[in-house]
C-alpha atoms as a PDB file:
ATOM      1  CA  MET A   1       9.726 -12.558 -16.983  1.00  0.00           C
ATOM      2  CA  MET A   2       6.793 -14.240 -17.178  1.00  0.00           C
ATOM      3  CA  GLU A   3       6.665 -14.925 -13.325  1.00  0.00           C
ATOM      4  CA  GLY A   4       7.261 -11.366 -12.583  1.00  0.00           C
ATOM      5  CA  PHE A   5       4.347 -10.062 -15.122  1.00  0.00           C
ATOM      6  CA  ILE A   6       1.792 -12.490 -13.374  1.00  0.00           C
ATOM      7  CA  ASP A   7       3.138 -11.357  -9.646  1.00  0.00           C
ATOM      8  CA  THR A   8       2.623  -7.837 -10.871  1.00  0.00           C
ATOM      9  CA  THR A   9      -1.015  -8.311 -12.440  1.00  0.00           C
ATOM     10  CA  ALA A  10      -2.095 -10.401  -9.826  1.00  0.00           C
ATOM     11  CA  ALA A  11      -0.965  -7.981  -7.384  1.00  0.00           C
ATOM     12  CA  VAL A  12      -3.823  -5.404  -8.427  1.00  0.00           C
ATOM     13  CA  SER A  13      -6.554  -7.942  -9.327  1.00  0.00           C
ATOM     14  CA  ASN A  14      -7.870  -7.425  -5.549  1.00  0.00           C
ATOM     15  CA  GLU A  15      -9.831  -5.082  -4.209  1.00  0.00           C
ATOM     16  CA  THR A  16      -7.881  -4.548  -0.800  1.00  0.00           C
ATOM     17  CA  ARG A  17      -4.519  -4.343  -2.724  1.00  0.00           C
ATOM     18  CA  ILE A  18      -6.464  -1.635  -5.143  1.00  0.00           C
ATOM     19  CA  HIS A  19      -7.560   0.524  -1.550  1.00  0.00           C
ATOM     20  CA  ILE A  20      -3.944   0.339  -0.261  1.00  0.00           C
ATOM     21  CA  LEU A  21      -2.424   1.673  -3.650  1.00  0.00           C
ATOM     22  CA  ALA A  22      -4.750   4.256  -4.250  1.00  0.00           C
ATOM     23  CA  PHE A  23      -4.734   5.330   0.195  1.00  0.00           C
ATOM     24  CA  LEU A  24      -0.329   5.656  -0.769  1.00  0.00           C
ATOM     25  CA  GLN A  25      -1.134   7.616  -4.121  1.00  0.00           C
ATOM     26  CA  LYS A  26      -3.307   9.999  -2.049  1.00  0.00           C
ATOM     27  CA  HIS A  27      -1.337  10.360   0.875  1.00  0.00           C
ATOM     28  CA  GLY A  28       2.148   8.829   0.510  1.00  0.00           C
ATOM     29  CA  ARG A  29       5.001   7.112   2.586  1.00  0.00           C
ATOM     30  CA  SER A  30       2.650   5.632   5.791  1.00  0.00           C
ATOM     31  CA  CYS A  31       3.368   4.075   8.394  1.00  0.00           C
ATOM     32  CA  VAL A  32       1.671   0.325   8.927  1.00  0.00           C
ATOM     33  CA  CYS A  33      -0.767   1.999  12.037  1.00  0.00           C
ATOM     34  CA  GLU A  34      -2.115   4.693  10.041  1.00  0.00           C
ATOM     35  CA  LEU A  35      -2.913   2.005   7.387  1.00  0.00           C
ATOM     36  CA  GLU A  36      -4.523  -0.021   9.497  1.00  0.00           C
ATOM     37  CA  HIS A  37      -7.015   2.695  11.479  1.00  0.00           C
ATOM     38  CA  SER A  38      -7.102   5.058   8.370  1.00  0.00           C
ATOM     39  CA  LEU A  39      -8.435   1.667   6.470  1.00  0.00           C
ATOM     40  CA  VAL A  40     -10.214   0.093   8.939  1.00  0.00           C
ATOM     41  CA  MET A  41      -8.300  -3.234   8.608  1.00  0.00           C
ATOM     42  CA  GLY A  42      -6.826  -5.618  10.665  1.00  0.00           C
ATOM     43  CA  GLN A  43      -2.955  -5.886  11.048  1.00  0.00           C
ATOM     44  CA  ALA A  44      -3.186  -9.526   9.629  1.00  0.00           C
ATOM     45  CA  ARG A  45      -4.889  -8.820   6.654  1.00  0.00           C
ATOM     46  CA  LEU A  46      -2.871  -5.339   5.965  1.00  0.00           C
ATOM     47  CA  SER A  47       0.290  -6.926   6.363  1.00  0.00           C
ATOM     48  CA  THR A  48      -0.264 -10.110   4.207  1.00  0.00           C
ATOM     49  CA  ASN A  49      -1.409  -7.338   1.159  1.00  0.00           C
ATOM     50  CA  LEU A  50       1.423  -5.408   1.559  1.00  0.00           C
ATOM     51  CA  ALA A  51       4.045  -7.967   1.242  1.00  0.00           C
ATOM     52  CA  ILE A  52       1.894  -9.189  -1.931  1.00  0.00           C
ATOM     53  CA  LEU A  53       2.305  -5.533  -3.019  1.00  0.00           C
ATOM     54  CA  LYS A  54       6.409  -5.117  -1.920  1.00  0.00           C
ATOM     55  CA  LYS A  55       6.837  -8.944  -3.576  1.00  0.00           C
ATOM     56  CA  ALA A  56       5.476  -7.338  -6.980  1.00  0.00           C
ATOM     57  CA  GLY A  57       7.249  -4.207  -6.766  1.00  0.00           C
ATOM     58  CA  PHE A  58       4.443  -1.699  -5.902  1.00  0.00           C
ATOM     59  CA  VAL A  59       5.986  -0.598  -2.308  1.00  0.00           C
ATOM     60  CA  SER A  60       9.050  -0.149  -0.573  1.00  0.00           C
ATOM     61  CA  VAL A  61       9.443  -0.496   3.178  1.00  0.00           C
ATOM     62  CA  GLU A  62      11.543   1.564   5.419  1.00  0.00           C
ATOM     63  CA  ARG A  63      11.971   0.403   9.473  1.00  0.00           C
ATOM     64  CA  GLU A  64      12.518   3.028  11.744  1.00  0.00           C
ATOM     65  CA  GLY A  65      12.916   1.659  15.074  1.00  0.00           C
ATOM     66  CA  LYS A  66       9.819   0.140  16.119  1.00  0.00           C
ATOM     67  CA  TRP A  67       7.553   1.193  12.986  1.00  0.00           C
ATOM     68  CA  ALA A  68       7.247   0.058   9.465  1.00  0.00           C
ATOM     69  CA  TYR A  69       6.953   2.890   6.616  1.00  0.00           C
ATOM     70  CA  TYR A  70       5.344   1.863   3.170  1.00  0.00           C
ATOM     71  CA  ALA A  71       5.823   4.151   0.316  1.00  0.00           C
ATOM     72  CA  LEU A  72       4.760   3.435  -3.657  1.00  0.00           C
ATOM     73  CA  ALA A  73       7.890   2.732  -5.387  1.00  0.00           C
ATOM     74  CA  PRO A  74       7.021   1.223  -8.531  1.00  0.00           C
ATOM     75  CA  LYS A  75       9.926  -0.947 -10.371  1.00  0.00           C
ATOM     76  CA  THR A  76       8.946  -0.997 -13.913  1.00  0.00           C
ATOM     77  CA  PRO A  77       7.132   1.211 -16.376  1.00  0.00           C
ATOM     78  CA  LEU A  78       3.879  -1.534 -15.966  1.00  0.00           C
ATOM     79  CA  HIS A  79       4.354  -0.688 -12.141  1.00  0.00           C
ATOM     80  CA  THR A  80       3.601   2.676 -13.480  1.00  0.00           C
ATOM     81  CA  GLN A  81       0.786   2.273 -15.742  1.00  0.00           C
ATOM     82  CA  LEU A  82      -0.757  -0.283 -12.972  1.00  0.00           C
ATOM     83  CA  LEU A  83      -0.850   2.569 -11.211  1.00  0.00           C
ATOM     84  CA  GLU A  84      -2.136   5.136 -13.161  1.00  0.00           C
ATOM     85  CA  ALA A  85      -4.992   2.982 -14.270  1.00  0.00           C
ATOM     86  CA  ILE A  86      -5.942   2.430 -10.927  1.00  0.00           C
ATOM     87  CA  SER A  87      -6.024   6.464  -9.864  1.00  0.00           C
ATOM     88  CA  ALA A  88      -8.027   7.035 -13.008  1.00  0.00           C
ATOM     89  CA  LEU A  89     -10.915   4.668 -11.108  1.00  0.00           C
ATOM     90  CA  HIS A  90     -11.433   7.777  -8.491  1.00  0.00           C
ATOM     91  CA  VAL A  91     -11.359   4.523  -5.688  1.00  0.00           C
ATOM     92  CA  LYS A  92     -12.873   6.823  -2.361  1.00  0.00           C
ATOM     93  CA  VAL A  93     -10.000   7.094  -0.184  1.00  0.00           C
ATOM     94  CA  PRO A  94     -10.086   7.466   3.602  1.00  0.00           C
ATOM     95  CA  CYS A  95      -8.586  10.806   5.543  1.00  0.00           C
ATOM     96  CA  LYS A  96      -5.062   9.077   6.986  1.00  0.00           C
ATOM     97  CA  VAL A  97      -5.414   8.944  11.120  1.00  0.00           C
ATOM     98  CA  ASP A  98      -2.650   9.330  13.090  1.00  0.00           C
ATOM     99  CA  ALA A  99      -2.589   6.159  15.223  1.00  0.00           C
ATOM    100  CA  CYS A 100       0.912   6.532  16.587  1.00  0.00           C
ATOM    101  CA  VAL A 101      -0.610   9.784  17.996  1.00  0.00           C
ATOM    102  CA  ILE A 102      -3.905   7.785  18.900  1.00  0.00           C
ATOM    103  CA  LYS A 103      -2.082   4.753  20.738  1.00  0.00           C
ATOM    104  CA  GLY A 104       0.170   7.696  22.415  1.00  0.00           C
ATOM    105  CA  GLU A 105       3.732   6.314  20.972  1.00  0.00           C
ATOM    106  CA  GLY A 106       3.785   9.235  18.019  1.00  0.00           C
END
């Protein structure tokens, strides 16, 4: 129980992960390429932070062929409360870029 609490709170102690969560709050389910281009973030950095958010119970991932889609999926009331706190921060969230179309794969 203590380890889960530490993982959950540690996941939101990073500005990059707060930006990812705020983006998903505003735009909903997004593929990795959309997140990468919209947040102007390298694939390795994005993947690392998404893995932390998934392990901590904030997001889920669905795979469709070669695409991975992430969405908010708070596991506990604590997750929901932390997401509400992030929403109250009014983080500036960029527009969603349809990067799959940009790459000619959508």
